[in-house]
Amino acid sequence: MESLTKTNVAANSRRQFILYCTIAGFISAWAISGLLVIVDVISGTPAGTFFAVIGASLGINDPVSAQYIGFALHIMTGMAAGNIFGQISLFWSKIAPYNSREGIVKGMVVGMALWTVLFVPLATFLIQPRLDSFIFSAPNQYIHNIAGHFSGLYAVVIGGSLVFHLIYGALLGFIAGRMTEIGVFLKKDNKIMR
């Protein structure tokens, strides 16, 4: 009976840890989204341009719909990345953010991996070629203006996105680590059970 209870506690702890990382990914994606809107405002592009680029690259021609779809995909990707981080952490404990201080560094590793595996290939092989094609044949003026704005800025976008992915990762690791510290899965007789 006691071994069955320990098995249930361990399974519940794993689910909670994955939930912490997923929530941390969601919160971090929202924070980065806010920073991206600030960059839009500072650069003189309309707020939400980054998200419109994502939506337009997927073939959404309506400016408002492109922004909303791009934003939703950005948030879902951040949340999924947090979930995957949590799942990998269960099998590779050296990357697990069991406290906020370690979580920052480990999260930055995740941010770098996300940038390398997801963002750079998408930007290189999907988004930038699509933007380049919009310079000559955009479905509307809004998308043509966006394409014109990003023309020749590929290296800046790639470099800037590395910084944003590192910030995302640091937030992800810090929040997941802090949630782990505070929630610490389960406590039984003041002993932490992991």
N, C-alpha and C. Protein backbone atom coordinates (compact mmCIF):
# COMPACT_ATOMS: atom_id res chain seq x y z
N MET A 1 0.83 -1.20 0.00
CA MET A 1 0.00 0.00 0.00
C MET A 1 0.87 1.26 0.00
N GLU A 2 1.96 1.24 0.79
CA GLU A 2 2.83 2.41 0.88
C GLU A 2 3.53 2.69 -0.44
N SER A 3 3.95 1.62 -1.16
CA SER A 3 4.62 1.83 -2.45
C SER A 3 3.65 2.39 -3.48
N LEU A 4 2.38 1.99 -3.42
CA LEU A 4 1.37 2.54 -4.32
C LEU A 4 1.16 4.02 -4.04
N THR A 5 1.16 4.42 -2.79
CA THR A 5 1.02 5.82 -2.42
C THR A 5 2.21 6.63 -2.93
N LYS A 6 3.43 6.10 -2.77
CA LYS A 6 4.62 6.79 -3.26
C LYS A 6 4.59 6.92 -4.79
N THR A 7 4.09 5.89 -5.46
CA THR A 7 3.97 5.96 -6.93
C THR A 7 2.98 7.04 -7.34
N ASN A 8 1.85 7.12 -6.65
CA ASN A 8 0.86 8.16 -6.94
C ASN A 8 1.41 9.56 -6.66
N VAL A 9 2.17 9.70 -5.56
CA VAL A 9 2.77 10.99 -5.21
C VAL A 9 3.77 11.40 -6.29
N ALA A 10 4.60 10.46 -6.74
CA ALA A 10 5.60 10.75 -7.77
C ALA A 10 4.92 11.15 -9.08
N ALA A 11 3.87 10.44 -9.47
CA ALA A 11 3.16 10.77 -10.71
C ALA A 11 2.51 12.14 -10.60
N ASN A 12 1.92 12.45 -9.45
CA ASN A 12 1.30 13.75 -9.24
C ASN A 12 2.35 14.86 -9.27
N SER A 13 3.52 14.61 -8.67
CA SER A 13 4.60 15.59 -8.67
C SER A 13 5.06 15.89 -10.08
N ARG A 14 5.17 14.88 -10.91
CA ARG A 14 5.58 15.07 -12.30
C ARG A 14 4.57 15.91 -13.06
N ARG A 15 3.30 15.62 -12.87
CA ARG A 15 2.26 16.41 -13.54
C ARG A 15 2.30 17.86 -13.10
N GLN A 16 2.50 18.08 -11.80
CA GLN A 16 2.57 19.45 -11.30
C GLN A 16 3.78 20.18 -11.87
N PHE A 17 4.92 19.50 -11.97
CA PHE A 17 6.11 20.13 -12.51
C PHE A 17 5.90 20.53 -13.96
N ILE A 18 5.30 19.66 -14.75
CA ILE A 18 5.00 19.99 -16.16
C ILE A 18 4.03 21.15 -16.21
N LEU A 19 3.04 21.17 -15.32
CA LEU A 19 2.09 22.28 -15.26
C LEU A 19 2.80 23.58 -14.92
N TYR A 20 3.73 23.56 -13.96
CA TYR A 20 4.49 24.76 -13.62
C TYR A 20 5.23 25.30 -14.84
N CYS A 21 5.89 24.42 -15.55
CA CYS A 21 6.67 24.84 -16.73
C CYS A 21 5.75 25.36 -17.83
N THR A 22 4.59 24.74 -18.00
CA THR A 22 3.63 25.19 -19.02
C THR A 22 3.10 26.58 -18.67
N ILE A 23 2.72 26.78 -17.42
CA ILE A 23 2.25 28.10 -16.99
C ILE A 23 3.36 29.13 -17.13
N ALA A 24 4.58 28.76 -16.77
CA ALA A 24 5.72 29.68 -16.90
C ALA A 24 5.94 30.04 -18.37
N GLY A 25 5.78 29.08 -19.28
CA GLY A 25 5.90 29.36 -20.71
C GLY A 25 4.83 30.32 -21.19
N PHE A 26 3.61 30.15 -20.69
CA PHE A 26 2.50 31.03 -21.05
C PHE A 26 2.77 32.47 -20.58
N ILE A 27 3.17 32.61 -19.32
CA ILE A 27 3.44 33.94 -18.77
C ILE A 27 4.62 34.59 -19.50
N SER A 28 5.65 33.83 -19.75
CA SER A 28 6.85 34.37 -20.44
C SER A 28 6.51 34.80 -21.86
N ALA A 29 5.69 34.03 -22.56
CA ALA A 29 5.29 34.40 -23.92
C ALA A 29 4.50 35.71 -23.92
N TRP A 30 3.63 35.89 -22.92
CA TRP A 30 2.89 37.15 -22.81
C TRP A 30 3.85 38.31 -22.57
N ALA A 31 4.83 38.10 -21.70
CA ALA A 31 5.79 39.17 -21.40
C ALA A 31 6.58 39.55 -22.64
N ILE A 32 7.04 38.58 -23.39
CA ILE A 32 7.79 38.85 -24.61
C ILE A 32 6.89 39.52 -25.63
N SER A 33 5.63 39.14 -25.68
CA SER A 33 4.69 39.78 -26.61
C SER A 33 4.57 41.27 -26.30
N GLY A 34 4.52 41.60 -25.03
CA GLY A 34 4.49 43.02 -24.64
C GLY A 34 5.74 43.75 -25.08
N LEU A 35 6.90 43.12 -24.91
CA LEU A 35 8.15 43.74 -25.35
C LEU A 35 8.17 43.94 -26.86
N LEU A 36 7.61 42.98 -27.59
CA LEU A 36 7.57 43.09 -29.05
C LEU A 36 6.70 44.26 -29.50
N VAL A 37 5.61 44.49 -28.80
CA VAL A 37 4.75 45.64 -29.12
C VAL A 37 5.50 46.94 -28.83
N ILE A 38 6.27 46.97 -27.74
CA ILE A 38 7.07 48.17 -27.43
C ILE A 38 8.09 48.41 -28.53
N VAL A 39 8.72 47.35 -29.04
CA VAL A 39 9.68 47.49 -30.15
C VAL A 39 8.98 48.04 -31.38
N ASP A 40 7.75 47.57 -31.64
CA ASP A 40 6.97 48.11 -32.78
C ASP A 40 6.78 49.61 -32.63
N VAL A 41 6.39 50.03 -31.44
CA VAL A 41 6.13 51.45 -31.20
C VAL A 41 7.41 52.27 -31.36
N ILE A 42 8.51 51.77 -30.80
CA ILE A 42 9.79 52.50 -30.89
C ILE A 42 10.28 52.57 -32.33
N SER A 43 10.09 51.48 -33.09
CA SER A 43 10.57 51.45 -34.47
C SER A 43 9.67 52.19 -35.44
N GLY A 44 8.52 52.63 -34.96
CA GLY A 44 7.63 53.40 -35.82
C GLY A 44 6.68 52.55 -36.65
N THR A 45 6.66 51.24 -36.41
CA THR A 45 5.70 50.39 -37.11
C THR A 45 4.44 50.30 -36.26
N PRO A 46 3.33 49.97 -36.87
CA PRO A 46 2.09 49.84 -36.08
C PRO A 46 2.23 48.75 -35.02
N ALA A 47 1.61 48.97 -33.87
CA ALA A 47 1.64 47.96 -32.81
C ALA A 47 1.06 46.66 -33.33
N GLY A 48 1.74 45.57 -33.06
CA GLY A 48 1.29 44.26 -33.52
C GLY A 48 1.88 43.83 -34.85
N THR A 49 2.83 44.59 -35.37
CA THR A 49 3.42 44.27 -36.67
C THR A 49 4.09 42.90 -36.65
N PHE A 50 4.81 42.59 -35.57
CA PHE A 50 5.47 41.29 -35.49
C PHE A 50 4.46 40.16 -35.65
N PHE A 51 3.34 40.27 -34.97
CA PHE A 51 2.32 39.23 -35.05
C PHE A 51 1.66 39.20 -36.43
N ALA A 52 1.51 40.37 -37.04
CA ALA A 52 0.95 40.42 -38.40
C ALA A 52 1.89 39.73 -39.38
N VAL A 53 3.20 39.86 -39.18
CA VAL A 53 4.16 39.18 -40.05
C VAL A 53 3.97 37.67 -39.97
N ILE A 54 3.76 37.15 -38.77
CA ILE A 54 3.53 35.71 -38.61
C ILE A 54 2.27 35.31 -39.35
N GLY A 55 1.18 36.03 -39.12
CA GLY A 55 -0.09 35.70 -39.78
C GLY A 55 -0.02 35.85 -41.29
N ALA A 56 0.59 36.93 -41.77
CA ALA A 56 0.71 37.15 -43.21
C ALA A 56 1.57 36.08 -43.86
N SER A 57 2.60 35.62 -43.16
CA SER A 57 3.46 34.56 -43.70
C SER A 57 2.71 33.25 -43.87
N LEU A 58 1.64 33.10 -43.11
CA LEU A 58 0.81 31.89 -43.22
C LEU A 58 -0.32 32.06 -44.22
N GLY A 59 -0.37 33.21 -44.89
CA GLY A 59 -1.39 33.42 -45.92
C GLY A 59 -2.61 34.18 -45.46
N ILE A 60 -2.61 34.73 -44.27
CA ILE A 60 -3.74 35.53 -43.78
C ILE A 60 -3.56 36.94 -44.31
N ASN A 61 -4.46 37.40 -45.16
CA ASN A 61 -4.31 38.70 -45.82
C ASN A 61 -4.96 39.85 -45.07
N ASP A 62 -5.92 39.56 -44.22
CA ASP A 62 -6.58 40.61 -43.45
C ASP A 62 -5.64 41.05 -42.32
N PRO A 63 -5.30 42.34 -42.24
CA PRO A 63 -4.34 42.81 -41.23
C PRO A 63 -4.73 42.48 -39.79
N VAL A 64 -5.99 42.66 -39.44
CA VAL A 64 -6.42 42.40 -38.07
C VAL A 64 -6.37 40.90 -37.77
N SER A 65 -6.89 40.10 -38.68
CA SER A 65 -6.85 38.65 -38.48
C SER A 65 -5.42 38.14 -38.41
N ALA A 66 -4.56 38.67 -39.25
CA ALA A 66 -3.15 38.25 -39.25
C ALA A 66 -2.51 38.54 -37.89
N GLN A 67 -2.81 39.70 -37.31
CA GLN A 67 -2.25 40.03 -36.00
C GLN A 67 -2.76 39.08 -34.92
N TYR A 68 -4.08 38.83 -34.91
CA TYR A 68 -4.64 37.96 -33.87
C TYR A 68 -4.15 36.52 -34.01
N ILE A 69 -4.09 36.03 -35.22
CA ILE A 69 -3.60 34.66 -35.43
C ILE A 69 -2.12 34.57 -35.08
N GLY A 70 -1.34 35.55 -35.50
CA GLY A 70 0.08 35.57 -35.15
C GLY A 70 0.30 35.62 -33.65
N PHE A 71 -0.50 36.45 -32.96
CA PHE A 71 -0.39 36.56 -31.51
C PHE A 71 -0.76 35.23 -30.84
N ALA A 72 -1.86 34.63 -31.27
CA ALA A 72 -2.29 33.36 -30.67
C ALA A 72 -1.24 32.27 -30.89
N LEU A 73 -0.67 32.22 -32.08
CA LEU A 73 0.37 31.23 -32.36
C LEU A 73 1.62 31.48 -31.51
N HIS A 74 1.95 32.74 -31.31
CA HIS A 74 3.11 33.09 -30.49
C HIS A 74 2.91 32.64 -29.04
N ILE A 75 1.74 32.89 -28.49
CA ILE A 75 1.44 32.49 -27.11
C ILE A 75 1.41 30.96 -26.99
N MET A 76 0.78 30.30 -27.94
CA MET A 76 0.70 28.83 -27.89
C MET A 76 2.08 28.20 -28.04
N THR A 77 2.93 28.78 -28.87
CA THR A 77 4.28 28.27 -29.02
C THR A 77 5.07 28.42 -27.73
N GLY A 78 4.94 29.57 -27.07
CA GLY A 78 5.62 29.77 -25.79
C GLY A 78 5.13 28.81 -24.72
N MET A 79 3.84 28.56 -24.71
CA MET A 79 3.27 27.64 -23.75
C MET A 79 3.72 26.20 -24.04
N ALA A 80 3.71 25.82 -25.31
CA ALA A 80 4.16 24.48 -25.70
C ALA A 80 5.64 24.29 -25.39
N ALA A 81 6.44 25.33 -25.61
CA ALA A 81 7.87 25.25 -25.29
C ALA A 81 8.08 25.02 -23.79
N GLY A 82 7.28 25.69 -22.96
CA GLY A 82 7.36 25.48 -21.52
C GLY A 82 6.98 24.05 -21.14
N ASN A 83 5.93 23.54 -21.78
CA ASN A 83 5.49 22.18 -21.52
C ASN A 83 6.58 21.17 -21.90
N ILE A 84 7.16 21.36 -23.06
CA ILE A 84 8.23 20.46 -23.52
C ILE A 84 9.44 20.55 -22.58
N PHE A 85 9.74 21.76 -22.15
CA PHE A 85 10.83 21.97 -21.18
C PHE A 85 10.57 21.15 -19.92
N GLY A 86 9.34 21.21 -19.42
CA GLY A 86 8.98 20.44 -18.22
C GLY A 86 9.11 18.94 -18.44
N GLN A 87 8.65 18.47 -19.60
CA GLN A 87 8.72 17.04 -19.87
C GLN A 87 10.16 16.56 -20.02
N ILE A 88 10.98 17.33 -20.72
CA ILE A 88 12.39 16.96 -20.87
C ILE A 88 13.10 17.00 -19.53
N SER A 89 12.74 17.97 -18.69
CA SER A 89 13.36 18.10 -17.37
C SER A 89 13.10 16.88 -16.50
N LEU A 90 11.99 16.22 -16.70
CA LEU A 90 11.70 15.03 -15.90
C LEU A 90 12.65 13.89 -16.24
N PHE A 91 13.10 13.85 -17.48
CA PHE A 91 13.99 12.76 -17.90
C PHE A 91 15.46 13.16 -17.84
N TRP A 92 15.72 14.45 -17.89
CA TRP A 92 17.09 14.95 -17.83
C TRP A 92 17.13 15.97 -16.70
N SER A 93 17.33 15.49 -15.50
CA SER A 93 17.18 16.34 -14.31
C SER A 93 18.20 17.47 -14.23
N LYS A 94 19.30 17.39 -14.97
CA LYS A 94 20.30 18.47 -14.92
C LYS A 94 19.76 19.78 -15.48
N ILE A 95 18.71 19.72 -16.29
CA ILE A 95 18.16 20.96 -16.87
C ILE A 95 16.91 21.42 -16.11
N ALA A 96 16.46 20.65 -15.15
CA ALA A 96 15.23 20.99 -14.42
C ALA A 96 15.43 22.24 -13.56
N PRO A 97 14.49 23.19 -13.64
CA PRO A 97 14.57 24.42 -12.83
C PRO A 97 13.95 24.23 -11.46
N TYR A 98 14.68 23.58 -10.54
CA TYR A 98 14.13 23.33 -9.22
C TYR A 98 14.18 24.54 -8.30
N ASN A 99 14.87 25.60 -8.71
CA ASN A 99 14.81 26.85 -7.97
C ASN A 99 14.99 28.00 -8.95
N SER A 100 14.66 29.19 -8.53
CA SER A 100 14.62 30.34 -9.44
C SER A 100 16.01 30.74 -9.94
N ARG A 101 17.01 30.63 -9.10
CA ARG A 101 18.36 31.05 -9.52
C ARG A 101 18.90 30.14 -10.61
N GLU A 102 18.82 28.83 -10.40
CA GLU A 102 19.26 27.89 -11.43
C GLU A 102 18.35 27.96 -12.65
N GLY A 103 17.10 28.23 -12.41
CA GLY A 103 16.12 28.28 -13.50
C GLY A 103 16.45 29.32 -14.54
N ILE A 104 17.01 30.45 -14.14
CA ILE A 104 17.33 31.51 -15.10
C ILE A 104 18.33 31.00 -16.13
N VAL A 105 19.41 30.39 -15.67
CA VAL A 105 20.44 29.90 -16.59
C VAL A 105 19.91 28.75 -17.44
N LYS A 106 19.22 27.82 -16.80
CA LYS A 106 18.69 26.67 -17.54
C LYS A 106 17.62 27.11 -18.53
N GLY A 107 16.85 28.08 -18.16
CA GLY A 107 15.85 28.62 -19.08
C GLY A 107 16.49 29.31 -20.28
N MET A 108 17.60 29.98 -20.05
CA MET A 108 18.30 30.63 -21.17
C MET A 108 18.82 29.59 -22.16
N VAL A 109 19.20 28.43 -21.66
CA VAL A 109 19.60 27.34 -22.55
C VAL A 109 18.40 26.93 -23.41
N VAL A 110 17.23 26.85 -22.79
CA VAL A 110 16.02 26.52 -23.52
C VAL A 110 15.70 27.60 -24.55
N GLY A 111 15.84 28.87 -24.18
CA GLY A 111 15.61 29.96 -25.12
C GLY A 111 16.53 29.89 -26.32
N MET A 112 17.81 29.59 -26.08
CA MET A 112 18.77 29.44 -27.16
C MET A 112 18.40 28.27 -28.07
N ALA A 113 17.99 27.16 -27.46
CA ALA A 113 17.58 25.99 -28.25
C ALA A 113 16.34 26.30 -29.08
N LEU A 114 15.40 27.01 -28.49
CA LEU A 114 14.18 27.38 -29.20
C LEU A 114 14.50 28.29 -30.38
N TRP A 115 15.40 29.23 -30.18
CA TRP A 115 15.83 30.12 -31.25
C TRP A 115 16.49 29.33 -32.37
N THR A 116 17.38 28.41 -32.01
CA THR A 116 18.13 27.62 -32.99
C THR A 116 17.25 26.65 -33.76
N VAL A 117 16.39 25.94 -33.05
CA VAL A 117 15.61 24.87 -33.65
C VAL A 117 14.35 25.37 -34.34
N LEU A 118 13.73 26.41 -33.80
CA LEU A 118 12.44 26.85 -34.33
C LEU A 118 12.52 28.18 -35.07
N PHE A 119 13.00 29.22 -34.40
CA PHE A 119 12.90 30.56 -34.99
C PHE A 119 13.78 30.73 -36.22
N VAL A 120 15.05 30.39 -36.13
CA VAL A 120 15.96 30.62 -37.27
C VAL A 120 15.48 29.88 -38.52
N PRO A 121 15.13 28.58 -38.43
CA PRO A 121 14.64 27.92 -39.65
C PRO A 121 13.34 28.53 -40.19
N LEU A 122 12.39 28.86 -39.29
CA LEU A 122 11.14 29.47 -39.76
C LEU A 122 11.39 30.83 -40.40
N ALA A 123 12.22 31.64 -39.77
CA ALA A 123 12.52 32.97 -40.32
C ALA A 123 13.26 32.85 -41.65
N THR A 124 14.17 31.91 -41.75
CA THR A 124 15.00 31.77 -42.94
C THR A 124 14.24 31.17 -44.11
N PHE A 125 13.47 30.14 -43.84
CA PHE A 125 12.87 29.38 -44.94
C PHE A 125 11.38 29.65 -45.18
N LEU A 126 10.72 30.33 -44.26
CA LEU A 126 9.29 30.62 -44.46
C LEU A 126 9.01 32.12 -44.43
N ILE A 127 9.33 32.77 -43.34
CA ILE A 127 8.91 34.16 -43.15
C ILE A 127 9.63 35.13 -44.08
N GLN A 128 10.96 35.10 -44.10
CA GLN A 128 11.71 36.06 -44.92
C GLN A 128 11.43 35.88 -46.43
N PRO A 129 11.41 34.66 -46.96
CA PRO A 129 11.07 34.52 -48.37
C PRO A 129 9.65 35.02 -48.69
N ARG A 130 8.74 34.78 -47.75
CA ARG A 130 7.35 35.25 -47.96
C ARG A 130 7.31 36.79 -47.96
N LEU A 131 8.04 37.42 -47.02
CA LEU A 131 8.09 38.88 -46.99
C LEU A 131 8.73 39.44 -48.26
N ASP A 132 9.79 38.78 -48.73
CA ASP A 132 10.44 39.22 -49.97
C ASP A 132 9.49 39.14 -51.15
N SER A 133 8.66 38.11 -51.19
CA SER A 133 7.69 37.99 -52.30
C SER A 133 6.60 39.06 -52.20
N PHE A 134 6.29 39.50 -50.97
CA PHE A 134 5.26 40.53 -50.79
C PHE A 134 5.71 41.90 -51.28
N ILE A 135 7.00 42.11 -51.41
CA ILE A 135 7.48 43.40 -51.92
C ILE A 135 7.00 43.61 -53.34
N PHE A 136 6.91 42.53 -54.11
CA PHE A 136 6.51 42.63 -55.51
C PHE A 136 5.03 42.33 -55.74
N SER A 137 4.44 41.53 -54.88
CA SER A 137 3.03 41.16 -55.13
C SER A 137 2.29 40.93 -53.81
N ALA A 138 2.12 41.98 -53.05
CA ALA A 138 1.39 41.88 -51.79
C ALA A 138 -0.11 41.90 -52.05
N PRO A 139 -0.89 41.17 -51.25
CA PRO A 139 -2.34 41.17 -51.45
C PRO A 139 -3.02 42.48 -51.07
N ASN A 140 -2.36 43.30 -50.25
CA ASN A 140 -2.92 44.61 -49.90
C ASN A 140 -1.79 45.55 -49.47
N GLN A 141 -2.12 46.82 -49.31
CA GLN A 141 -1.11 47.83 -49.00
C GLN A 141 -0.47 47.63 -47.63
N TYR A 142 -1.25 47.18 -46.66
CA TYR A 142 -0.73 46.96 -45.31
C TYR A 142 0.41 45.93 -45.33
N ILE A 143 0.17 44.81 -45.98
CA ILE A 143 1.19 43.76 -46.06
C ILE A 143 2.38 44.22 -46.89
N HIS A 144 2.12 45.00 -47.93
CA HIS A 144 3.22 45.55 -48.74
C HIS A 144 4.09 46.48 -47.89
N ASN A 145 3.47 47.30 -47.04
CA ASN A 145 4.22 48.20 -46.16
C ASN A 145 5.07 47.43 -45.15
N ILE A 146 4.50 46.36 -44.60
CA ILE A 146 5.25 45.53 -43.66
C ILE A 146 6.45 44.91 -44.35
N ALA A 147 6.23 44.36 -45.54
CA ALA A 147 7.32 43.73 -46.30
C ALA A 147 8.41 44.74 -46.62
N GLY A 148 8.01 45.94 -46.99
CA GLY A 148 8.99 46.98 -47.29
C GLY A 148 9.79 47.39 -46.06
N HIS A 149 9.11 47.42 -44.91
CA HIS A 149 9.79 47.80 -43.67
C HIS A 149 10.87 46.79 -43.29
N PHE A 150 10.60 45.51 -43.50
CA PHE A 150 11.54 44.45 -43.09
C PHE A 150 12.53 44.08 -44.19
N SER A 151 12.43 44.71 -45.33
CA SER A 151 13.36 44.43 -46.42
C SER A 151 14.78 44.80 -46.00
N GLY A 152 15.68 43.85 -46.11
CA GLY A 152 17.08 44.09 -45.77
C GLY A 152 17.39 44.04 -44.28
N LEU A 153 16.43 43.71 -43.45
CA LEU A 153 16.66 43.67 -42.00
C LEU A 153 16.78 42.25 -41.44
N TYR A 154 17.02 41.27 -42.30
CA TYR A 154 17.07 39.88 -41.87
C TYR A 154 18.08 39.67 -40.73
N ALA A 155 19.30 40.17 -40.88
CA ALA A 155 20.34 39.98 -39.86
C ALA A 155 19.94 40.65 -38.54
N VAL A 156 19.32 41.82 -38.61
CA VAL A 156 18.87 42.51 -37.40
C VAL A 156 17.77 41.72 -36.71
N VAL A 157 16.85 41.18 -37.50
CA VAL A 157 15.75 40.39 -36.94
C VAL A 157 16.29 39.13 -36.27
N ILE A 158 17.22 38.45 -36.93
CA ILE A 158 17.79 37.22 -36.36
C ILE A 158 18.55 37.54 -35.07
N GLY A 159 19.39 38.57 -35.08
CA GLY A 159 20.14 38.94 -33.89
C GLY A 159 19.24 39.41 -32.76
N GLY A 160 18.27 40.26 -33.09
CA GLY A 160 17.34 40.75 -32.07
C GLY A 160 16.50 39.64 -31.48
N SER A 161 16.12 38.70 -32.32
CA SER A 161 15.30 37.60 -31.82
C SER A 161 16.08 36.71 -30.86
N LEU A 162 17.39 36.62 -31.04
CA LEU A 162 18.20 35.85 -30.08
C LEU A 162 18.08 36.48 -28.69
N VAL A 163 18.15 37.79 -28.63
CA VAL A 163 18.01 38.48 -27.35
C VAL A 163 16.64 38.20 -26.74
N PHE A 164 15.59 38.29 -27.55
CA PHE A 164 14.24 38.04 -27.04
C PHE A 164 14.07 36.60 -26.58
N HIS A 165 14.67 35.65 -27.29
CA HIS A 165 14.57 34.25 -26.88
C HIS A 165 15.34 34.00 -25.58
N LEU A 166 16.45 34.68 -25.39
CA LEU A 166 17.18 34.55 -24.13
C LEU A 166 16.38 35.13 -22.97
N ILE A 167 15.71 36.26 -23.21
CA ILE A 167 14.84 36.85 -22.18
C ILE A 167 13.68 35.91 -21.87
N TYR A 168 13.06 35.38 -22.94
CA TYR A 168 11.97 34.42 -22.75
C TYR A 168 12.45 33.25 -21.89
N GLY A 169 13.60 32.68 -22.25
CA GLY A 169 14.12 31.54 -21.51
C GLY A 169 14.42 31.87 -20.06
N ALA A 170 15.01 33.03 -19.81
CA ALA A 170 15.32 33.44 -18.44
C ALA A 170 14.03 33.57 -17.63
N LEU A 171 13.01 34.19 -18.22
CA LEU A 171 11.71 34.30 -17.53
C LEU A 171 11.09 32.93 -17.29
N LEU A 172 11.13 32.09 -18.31
CA LEU A 172 10.57 30.73 -18.20
C LEU A 172 11.23 29.98 -17.06
N GLY A 173 12.55 29.96 -17.05
CA GLY A 173 13.27 29.24 -16.00
C GLY A 173 13.05 29.83 -14.62
N PHE A 174 13.08 31.17 -14.54
CA PHE A 174 12.87 31.82 -13.25
C PHE A 174 11.48 31.52 -12.70
N ILE A 175 10.46 31.69 -13.53
CA ILE A 175 9.08 31.48 -13.07
C ILE A 175 8.84 30.02 -12.71
N ALA A 176 9.29 29.09 -13.56
CA ALA A 176 9.11 27.67 -13.26
C ALA A 176 9.86 27.29 -11.99
N GLY A 177 11.09 27.80 -11.85
CA GLY A 177 11.86 27.52 -10.65
C GLY A 177 11.21 28.09 -9.40
N ARG A 178 10.70 29.30 -9.52
CA ARG A 178 10.05 29.94 -8.37
C ARG A 178 8.76 29.21 -7.99
N MET A 179 7.99 28.80 -9.00
CA MET A 179 6.76 28.05 -8.73
C MET A 179 7.10 26.72 -8.06
N THR A 180 8.20 26.12 -8.47
CA THR A 180 8.64 24.87 -7.85
C THR A 180 9.05 25.11 -6.40
N GLU A 181 9.78 26.20 -6.16
CA GLU A 181 10.19 26.52 -4.78
C GLU A 181 8.99 26.76 -3.87
N ILE A 182 8.04 27.51 -4.36
CA ILE A 182 6.87 27.87 -3.54
C ILE A 182 5.93 26.68 -3.38
N GLY A 183 5.60 26.04 -4.51
CA GLY A 183 4.68 24.91 -4.46
C GLY A 183 5.34 23.65 -3.97
N VAL A 184 6.56 23.49 -4.28
CA VAL A 184 7.40 22.34 -3.98
C VAL A 184 6.60 21.04 -4.02
N PHE A 185 5.83 20.89 -5.06
CA PHE A 185 5.07 19.68 -5.33
C PHE A 185 4.22 19.25 -4.14
N LEU A 186 4.75 18.39 -3.33
CA LEU A 186 3.99 17.90 -2.18
C LEU A 186 4.88 17.95 -0.95
N LYS A 187 4.27 18.24 0.17
CA LYS A 187 5.03 18.20 1.43
C LYS A 187 4.36 17.17 2.35
N LYS A 188 5.19 16.35 2.89
CA LYS A 188 4.67 15.34 3.83
C LYS A 188 5.58 15.36 5.04
N ASP A 189 5.05 15.68 6.17
CA ASP A 189 5.84 15.80 7.39
C ASP A 189 7.03 16.72 7.21
N ASN A 190 6.80 17.86 6.53
CA ASN A 190 7.82 18.86 6.25
C ASN A 190 8.99 18.34 5.43
N LYS A 191 8.81 17.23 4.73
CA LYS A 191 9.85 16.71 3.86
C LYS A 191 9.38 16.87 2.42
N ILE A 192 10.26 17.35 1.58
CA ILE A 192 9.89 17.55 0.19
C ILE A 192 9.96 16.21 -0.53
N MET A 193 8.91 15.92 -1.27
CA MET A 193 8.88 14.68 -2.03
C MET A 193 8.97 15.02 -3.51
N ARG A 194 10.02 14.58 -4.15
CA ARG A 194 10.20 14.81 -5.61
C ARG A 194 10.23 13.51 -6.33
